Amino acid sequence: EMAQAALGAAGLHLDELNKLRVLEPEAAQQTGQLREECRAFLDKIAEFQKIVGSLIELVDQLAKAAESDKMKVL
């Protein structure tokens, strides 16, 4: 419609709720999608850090047990 074309020419856009936006609808949608992908990535990184932390603890315990066994042998 004419009003939307005039707004678009001024760099303004209406979203699905008829709120005035500066960002183009497609760019806004892509930005939202990227935000969700980043959140999912950060969640995976946090989970990875937990797993690595547990692995480090386990290796440390095994090293202490091995050192203790060496002392018993000596």
PDB file of N, CA and C in Angstrom:
ATOM      1  N   GLU A   1       0.841  -1.171   0.000  1.00  0.00           N
ATOM      2  CA  GLU A   1       0.000   0.000   0.000  1.00  0.00           C
ATOM      3  C   GLU A   1       0.889   1.238   0.000  1.00  0.00           C
ATOM      4  N   MET A   2       0.304   2.372  -0.249  1.00  0.00           N
ATOM      5  CA  MET A   2       1.058   3.617  -0.402  1.00  0.00           C
ATOM      6  C   MET A   2       1.762   4.038   0.887  1.00  0.00           C
ATOM      7  N   ALA A   3       1.074   3.886   2.015  1.00  0.00           N
ATOM      8  CA  ALA A   3       1.662   4.294   3.297  1.00  0.00           C
ATOM      9  C   ALA A   3       2.895   3.457   3.605  1.00  0.00           C
ATOM     10  N   GLN A   4       2.805   2.139   3.337  1.00  0.00           N
ATOM     11  CA  GLN A   4       3.955   1.265   3.592  1.00  0.00           C
ATOM     12  C   GLN A   4       5.108   1.596   2.656  1.00  0.00           C
ATOM     13  N   ALA A   5       4.799   1.926   1.419  1.00  0.00           N
ATOM     14  CA  ALA A   5       5.846   2.306   0.462  1.00  0.00           C
ATOM     15  C   ALA A   5       6.537   3.582   0.918  1.00  0.00           C
ATOM     16  N   ALA A   6       5.747   4.543   1.412  1.00  0.00           N
ATOM     17  CA  ALA A   6       6.326   5.800   1.899  1.00  0.00           C
ATOM     18  C   ALA A   6       7.192   5.553   3.121  1.00  0.00           C
ATOM     19  N   LEU A   7       6.722   4.678   4.018  1.00  0.00           N
ATOM     20  CA  LEU A   7       7.512   4.337   5.198  1.00  0.00           C
ATOM     21  C   LEU A   7       8.802   3.629   4.782  1.00  0.00           C
ATOM     22  N   GLY A   8       8.666   2.691   3.840  1.00  0.00           N
ATOM     23  CA  GLY A   8       9.832   1.949   3.355  1.00  0.00           C
ATOM     24  C   GLY A   8      10.867   2.869   2.741  1.00  0.00           C
ATOM     25  N   ALA A   9      10.409   3.877   2.006  1.00  0.00           N
ATOM     26  CA  ALA A   9      11.334   4.838   1.400  1.00  0.00           C
ATOM     27  C   ALA A   9      12.076   5.624   2.472  1.00  0.00           C
ATOM     28  N   ALA A  10      11.433   5.813   3.625  1.00  0.00           N
ATOM     29  CA  ALA A  10      12.068   6.530   4.739  1.00  0.00           C
ATOM     30  C   ALA A  10      12.886   5.592   5.618  1.00  0.00           C
ATOM     31  N   GLY A  11      12.956   4.295   5.236  1.00  0.00           N
ATOM     32  CA  GLY A  11      13.722   3.324   6.017  1.00  0.00           C
ATOM     33  C   GLY A  11      12.968   2.800   7.224  1.00  0.00           C
ATOM     34  N   LEU A  12      11.644   2.934   7.205  1.00  0.00           N
ATOM     35  CA  LEU A  12      10.810   2.444   8.302  1.00  0.00           C
ATOM     36  C   LEU A  12       9.923   1.319   7.803  1.00  0.00           C
ATOM     37  N   HIS A  13       9.564   0.412   8.710  1.00  0.00           N
ATOM     38  CA  HIS A  13       8.772  -0.754   8.331  1.00  0.00           C
ATOM     39  C   HIS A  13       7.775  -1.063   9.433  1.00  0.00           C
ATOM     40  N   LEU A  14       6.650  -1.669   9.052  1.00  0.00           N
ATOM     41  CA  LEU A  14       5.668  -2.126  10.020  1.00  0.00           C
ATOM     42  C   LEU A  14       5.839  -3.631  10.198  1.00  0.00           C
ATOM     43  N   ASP A  15       5.859  -4.088  11.478  1.00  0.00           N
ATOM     44  CA  ASP A  15       5.965  -5.527  11.695  1.00  0.00           C
ATOM     45  C   ASP A  15       4.572  -6.150  11.693  1.00  0.00           C
ATOM     46  N   GLU A  16       4.513  -7.463  12.042  1.00  0.00           N
ATOM     47  CA  GLU A  16       3.222  -8.173  11.987  1.00  0.00           C
ATOM     48  C   GLU A  16       2.216  -7.633  13.002  1.00  0.00           C
ATOM     49  N   LEU A  17       2.692  -6.906  14.009  1.00  0.00           N
ATOM     50  CA  LEU A  17       1.798  -6.302  15.001  1.00  0.00           C
ATOM     51  C   LEU A  17       1.557  -4.824  14.702  1.00  0.00           C
ATOM     52  N   ASN A  18       1.952  -4.405  13.489  1.00  0.00           N
ATOM     53  CA  ASN A  18       1.834  -3.015  13.054  1.00  0.00           C
ATOM     54  C   ASN A  18       2.618  -2.041  13.929  1.00  0.00           C
ATOM     55  N   LYS A  19       3.729  -2.546  14.507  1.00  0.00           N
ATOM     56  CA  LYS A  19       4.642  -1.668  15.240  1.00  0.00           C
ATOM     57  C   LYS A  19       5.661  -1.138  14.251  1.00  0.00           C
ATOM     58  N   LEU A  20       6.032   0.103  14.434  1.00  0.00           N
ATOM     59  CA  LEU A  20       6.996   0.737  13.543  1.00  0.00           C
ATOM     60  C   LEU A  20       8.398   0.233  13.856  1.00  0.00           C
ATOM     61  N   ARG A  21       9.113  -0.199  12.851  1.00  0.00           N
ATOM     62  CA  ARG A  21      10.467  -0.746  13.012  1.00  0.00           C
ATOM     63  C   ARG A  21      11.415  -0.054  12.056  1.00  0.00           C
ATOM     64  N   VAL A  22      12.683   0.030  12.466  1.00  0.00           N
ATOM     65  CA  VAL A  22      13.709   0.581  11.590  1.00  0.00           C
ATOM     66  C   VAL A  22      14.324  -0.540  10.749  1.00  0.00           C
ATOM     67  N   LEU A  23      14.340  -1.740  11.301  1.00  0.00           N
ATOM     68  CA  LEU A  23      14.940  -2.893  10.637  1.00  0.00           C
ATOM     69  C   LEU A  23      13.934  -3.527   9.676  1.00  0.00           C
ATOM     70  N   GLU A  24      14.408  -3.923   8.513  1.00  0.00           N
ATOM     71  CA  GLU A  24      13.545  -4.607   7.548  1.00  0.00           C
ATOM     72  C   GLU A  24      13.043  -5.910   8.164  1.00  0.00           C
ATOM     73  N   PRO A  25      11.816  -6.302   7.854  1.00  0.00           N
ATOM     74  CA  PRO A  25      11.253  -7.534   8.446  1.00  0.00           C
ATOM     75  C   PRO A  25      12.138  -8.765   8.237  1.00  0.00           C
ATOM     76  N   GLU A  26      12.692  -8.923   7.040  1.00  0.00           N
ATOM     77  CA  GLU A  26      13.543 -10.090   6.774  1.00  0.00           C
ATOM     78  C   GLU A  26      14.802 -10.048   7.637  1.00  0.00           C
ATOM     79  N   ALA A  27      15.404  -8.864   7.758  1.00  0.00           N
ATOM     80  CA  ALA A  27      16.603  -8.722   8.588  1.00  0.00           C
ATOM     81  C   ALA A  27      16.261  -8.979  10.052  1.00  0.00           C
ATOM     82  N   ALA A  28      15.102  -8.508  10.494  1.00  0.00           N
ATOM     83  CA  ALA A  28      14.676  -8.735  11.876  1.00  0.00           C
ATOM     84  C   ALA A  28      14.481 -10.226  12.130  1.00  0.00           C
ATOM     85  N   GLN A  29      13.888 -10.931  11.159  1.00  0.00           N
ATOM     86  CA  GLN A  29      13.656 -12.365  11.298  1.00  0.00           C
ATOM     87  C   GLN A  29      14.986 -13.112  11.346  1.00  0.00           C
ATOM     88  N   GLN A  30      15.921 -12.720  10.478  1.00  0.00           N
ATOM     89  CA  GLN A  30      17.235 -13.366  10.464  1.00  0.00           C
ATOM     90  C   GLN A  30      17.991 -13.085  11.754  1.00  0.00           C
ATOM     91  N   THR A  31      17.849 -11.875  12.286  1.00  0.00           N
ATOM     92  CA  THR A  31      18.498 -11.519  13.539  1.00  0.00           C
ATOM     93  C   THR A  31      17.950 -12.376  14.676  1.00  0.00           C
ATOM     94  N   GLY A  32      16.633 -12.555  14.713  1.00  0.00           N
ATOM     95  CA  GLY A  32      16.012 -13.406  15.733  1.00  0.00           C
ATOM     96  C   GLY A  32      16.483 -14.841  15.625  1.00  0.00           C
ATOM     97  N   GLN A  33      16.576 -15.324  14.406  1.00  0.00           N
ATOM     98  CA  GLN A  33      17.036 -16.703  14.179  1.00  0.00           C
ATOM     99  C   GLN A  33      18.484 -16.858  14.634  1.00  0.00           C
ATOM    100  N   LEU A  34      19.321 -15.884  14.305  1.00  0.00           N
ATOM    101  CA  LEU A  34      20.726 -15.924  14.714  1.00  0.00           C
ATOM    102  C   LEU A  34      20.837 -15.892  16.239  1.00  0.00           C
ATOM    103  N   ARG A  35      19.996 -15.078  16.883  1.00  0.00           N
ATOM    104  CA  ARG A  35      20.005 -14.997  18.347  1.00  0.00           C
ATOM    105  C   ARG A  35      19.706 -16.366  18.955  1.00  0.00           C
ATOM    106  N   GLU A  36      18.700 -17.059  18.401  1.00  0.00           N
ATOM    107  CA  GLU A  36      18.348 -18.387  18.918  1.00  0.00           C
ATOM    108  C   GLU A  36      19.482 -19.390  18.683  1.00  0.00           C
ATOM    109  N   GLU A  37      20.106 -19.321  17.509  1.00  0.00           N
ATOM    110  CA  GLU A  37      21.215 -20.231  17.218  1.00  0.00           C
ATOM    111  C   GLU A  37      22.382 -19.973  18.170  1.00  0.00           C
ATOM    112  N   CYS A  38      22.633 -18.703  18.472  1.00  0.00           N
ATOM    113  CA  CYS A  38      23.709 -18.350  19.407  1.00  0.00           C
ATOM    114  C   CYS A  38      23.408 -18.874  20.802  1.00  0.00           C
ATOM    115  N   ARG A  39      22.151 -18.754  21.235  1.00  0.00           N
ATOM    116  CA  ARG A  39      21.764 -19.273  22.555  1.00  0.00           C
ATOM    117  C   ARG A  39      21.988 -20.781  22.619  1.00  0.00           C
ATOM    118  N   ALA A  40      21.567 -21.477  21.564  1.00  0.00           N
ATOM    119  CA  ALA A  40      21.741 -22.931  21.523  1.00  0.00           C
ATOM    120  C   ALA A  40      23.223 -23.287  21.553  1.00  0.00           C
ATOM    121  N   PHE A  41      24.043 -22.523  20.816  1.00  0.00           N
ATOM    122  CA  PHE A  41      25.488 -22.766  20.789  1.00  0.00           C
ATOM    123  C   PHE A  41      26.088 -22.552  22.175  1.00  0.00           C
ATOM    124  N   LEU A  42      25.692 -21.469  22.846  1.00  0.00           N
ATOM    125  CA  LEU A  42      26.208 -21.191  24.187  1.00  0.00           C
ATOM    126  C   LEU A  42      25.798 -22.281  25.176  1.00  0.00           C
ATOM    127  N   ASP A  43      24.571 -22.795  25.031  1.00  0.00           N
ATOM    128  CA  ASP A  43      24.124 -23.899  25.884  1.00  0.00           C
ATOM    129  C   ASP A  43      25.002 -25.129  25.664  1.00  0.00           C
ATOM    130  N   LYS A  44      25.312 -25.409  24.400  1.00  0.00           N
ATOM    131  CA  LYS A  44      26.160 -26.569  24.091  1.00  0.00           C
ATOM    132  C   LYS A  44      27.574 -26.372  24.642  1.00  0.00           C
ATOM    133  N   ILE A  45      28.092 -25.155  24.533  1.00  0.00           N
ATOM    134  CA  ILE A  45      29.428 -24.859  25.067  1.00  0.00           C
ATOM    135  C   ILE A  45      29.438 -25.047  26.582  1.00  0.00           C
ATOM    136  N   ALA A  46      28.401 -24.568  27.273  1.00  0.00           N
ATOM    137  CA  ALA A  46      28.317 -24.725  28.731  1.00  0.00           C
ATOM    138  C   ALA A  46      28.281 -26.205  29.107  1.00  0.00           C
ATOM    139  N   GLU A  47      27.515 -26.996  28.364  1.00  0.00           N
ATOM    140  CA  GLU A  47      27.438 -28.437  28.622  1.00  0.00           C
ATOM    141  C   GLU A  47      28.801 -29.082  28.378  1.00  0.00           C
ATOM    142  N   PHE A  48      29.476 -28.680  27.311  1.00  0.00           N
ATOM    143  CA  PHE A  48      30.811 -29.198  27.001  1.00  0.00           C
ATOM    144  C   PHE A  48      31.779 -28.879  28.139  1.00  0.00           C
ATOM    145  N   GLN A  49      31.718 -27.648  28.666  1.00  0.00           N
ATOM    146  CA  GLN A  49      32.600 -27.262  29.767  1.00  0.00           C
ATOM    147  C   GLN A  49      32.346 -28.127  31.003  1.00  0.00           C
ATOM    148  N   LYS A  50      31.080 -28.442  31.272  1.00  0.00           N
ATOM    149  CA  LYS A  50      30.756 -29.315  32.411  1.00  0.00           C
ATOM    150  C   LYS A  50      31.374 -30.699  32.209  1.00  0.00           C
ATOM    151  N   ILE A  51      31.223 -31.224  30.998  1.00  0.00           N
ATOM    152  CA  ILE A  51      31.752 -32.559  30.702  1.00  0.00           C
ATOM    153  C   ILE A  51      33.267 -32.567  30.845  1.00  0.00           C
ATOM    154  N   VAL A  52      33.930 -31.548  30.290  1.00  0.00           N
ATOM    155  CA  VAL A  52      35.390 -31.466  30.376  1.00  0.00           C
ATOM    156  C   VAL A  52      35.818 -31.315  31.834  1.00  0.00           C
ATOM    157  N   GLY A  53      35.078 -30.506  32.611  1.00  0.00           N
ATOM    158  CA  GLY A  53      35.391 -30.351  34.030  1.00  0.00           C
ATOM    159  C   GLY A  53      35.315 -31.675  34.768  1.00  0.00           C
ATOM    160  N   SER A  54      34.285 -32.460  34.466  1.00  0.00           N
ATOM    161  CA  SER A  54      34.139 -33.785  35.091  1.00  0.00           C
ATOM    162  C   SER A  54      35.277 -34.703  34.680  1.00  0.00           C
ATOM    163  N   LEU A  55      35.659 -34.640  33.423  1.00  0.00           N
ATOM    164  CA  LEU A  55      36.758 -35.465  32.924  1.00  0.00           C
ATOM    165  C   LEU A  55      38.075 -35.095  33.612  1.00  0.00           C
ATOM    166  N   ILE A  56      38.315 -33.804  33.784  1.00  0.00           N
ATOM    167  CA  ILE A  56      39.537 -33.350  34.459  1.00  0.00           C
ATOM    168  C   ILE A  56      39.556 -33.850  35.904  1.00  0.00           C
ATOM    169  N   GLU A  57      38.411 -33.761  36.586  1.00  0.00           N
ATOM    170  CA  GLU A  57      38.332 -34.264  37.962  1.00  0.00           C
ATOM    171  C   GLU A  57      38.640 -35.756  38.022  1.00  0.00           C
ATOM    172  N   LEU A  58      38.075 -36.507  37.081  1.00  0.00           N
ATOM    173  CA  LEU A  58      38.292 -37.953  37.047  1.00  0.00           C
ATOM    174  C   LEU A  58      39.765 -38.279  36.812  1.00  0.00           C
ATOM    175  N   VAL A  59      40.387 -37.609  35.858  1.00  0.00           N
ATOM    176  CA  VAL A  59      41.804 -37.846  35.562  1.00  0.00           C
ATOM    177  C   VAL A  59      42.656 -37.493  36.777  1.00  0.00           C
ATOM    178  N   ASP A  60      42.299 -36.395  37.447  1.00  0.00           N
ATOM    179  CA  ASP A  60      43.031 -35.986  38.651  1.00  0.00           C
ATOM    180  C   ASP A  60      42.918 -37.048  39.740  1.00  0.00           C
ATOM    181  N   GLN A  61      41.717 -37.588  39.929  1.00  0.00           N
ATOM    182  CA  GLN A  61      41.527 -38.643  40.936  1.00  0.00           C
ATOM    183  C   GLN A  61      42.331 -39.892  40.583  1.00  0.00           C
ATOM    184  N   LEU A  62      42.342 -40.241  39.288  1.00  0.00           N
ATOM    185  CA  LEU A  62      43.116 -41.415  38.857  1.00  0.00           C
ATOM    186  C   LEU A  62      44.603 -41.192  39.081  1.00  0.00           C
ATOM    187  N   ALA A  63      45.082 -39.971  38.814  1.00  0.00           N
ATOM    188  CA  ALA A  63      46.498 -39.665  39.013  1.00  0.00           C
ATOM    189  C   ALA A  63      46.858 -39.776  40.497  1.00  0.00           C
ATOM    190  N   LYS A  64      45.976 -39.265  41.371  1.00  0.00           N
ATOM    191  CA  LYS A  64      46.234 -39.350  42.815  1.00  0.00           C
ATOM    192  C   LYS A  64      46.241 -40.804  43.274  1.00  0.00           C
ATOM    193  N   ALA A  65      45.305 -41.593  42.743  1.00  0.00           N
ATOM    194  CA  ALA A  65      45.248 -43.015  43.106  1.00  0.00           C
ATOM    195  C   ALA A  65      46.514 -43.725  42.637  1.00  0.00           C
ATOM    196  N   ALA A  66      46.974 -43.417  41.427  1.00  0.00           N
ATOM    197  CA  ALA A  66      48.192 -44.048  40.898  1.00  0.00           C
ATOM    198  C   ALA A  66      49.396 -43.655  41.747  1.00  0.00           C
ATOM    199  N   GLU A  67      49.458 -42.379  42.149  1.00  0.00           N
ATOM    200  CA  GLU A  67      50.569 -41.906  42.977  1.00  0.00           C
ATOM    201  C   GLU A  67      50.546 -42.608  44.339  1.00  0.00           C
ATOM    202  N   SER A  68      49.357 -42.779  44.880  1.00  0.00           N
ATOM    203  CA  SER A  68      49.209 -43.463  46.168  1.00  0.00           C
ATOM    204  C   SER A  68      49.663 -44.922  46.061  1.00  0.00           C
ATOM    205  N   ASP A  69      49.289 -45.556  44.937  1.00  0.00           N
ATOM    206  CA  ASP A  69      49.706 -46.958  44.725  1.00  0.00           C
ATOM    207  C   ASP A  69      51.221 -47.052  44.583  1.00  0.00           C
ATOM    208  N   LYS A  70      51.855 -46.058  43.940  1.00  0.00           N
ATOM    209  CA  LYS A  70      53.319 -46.069  43.791  1.00  0.00           C
ATOM    210  C   LYS A  70      53.988 -45.974  45.152  1.00  0.00           C
ATOM    211  N   MET A  71      53.427 -45.138  46.015  1.00  0.00           N
ATOM    212  CA  MET A  71      54.000 -44.976  47.351  1.00  0.00           C
ATOM    213  C   MET A  71      53.899 -46.272  48.154  1.00  0.00           C
ATOM    214  N   LYS A  72      52.772 -46.981  47.968  1.00  0.00           N
ATOM    215  CA  LYS A  72      52.599 -48.250  48.680  1.00  0.00           C
ATOM    216  C   LYS A  72      53.631 -49.269  48.236  1.00  0.00           C
ATOM    217  N   VAL A  73      53.951 -49.248  46.945  1.00  0.00           N
ATOM    218  CA  VAL A  73      54.920 -50.202  46.400  1.00  0.00           C
ATOM    219  C   VAL A  73      56.317 -49.919  46.945  1.00  0.00           C
ATOM    220  N   LEU A  74      56.628 -48.617  47.066  1.00  0.00           N
ATOM    221  CA  LEU A  74      57.946 -48.233  47.574  1.00  0.00           C
ATOM    222  C   LEU A  74      58.000 -48.520  49.057  1.00  0.00           C
TER     223      LEU A  74
END
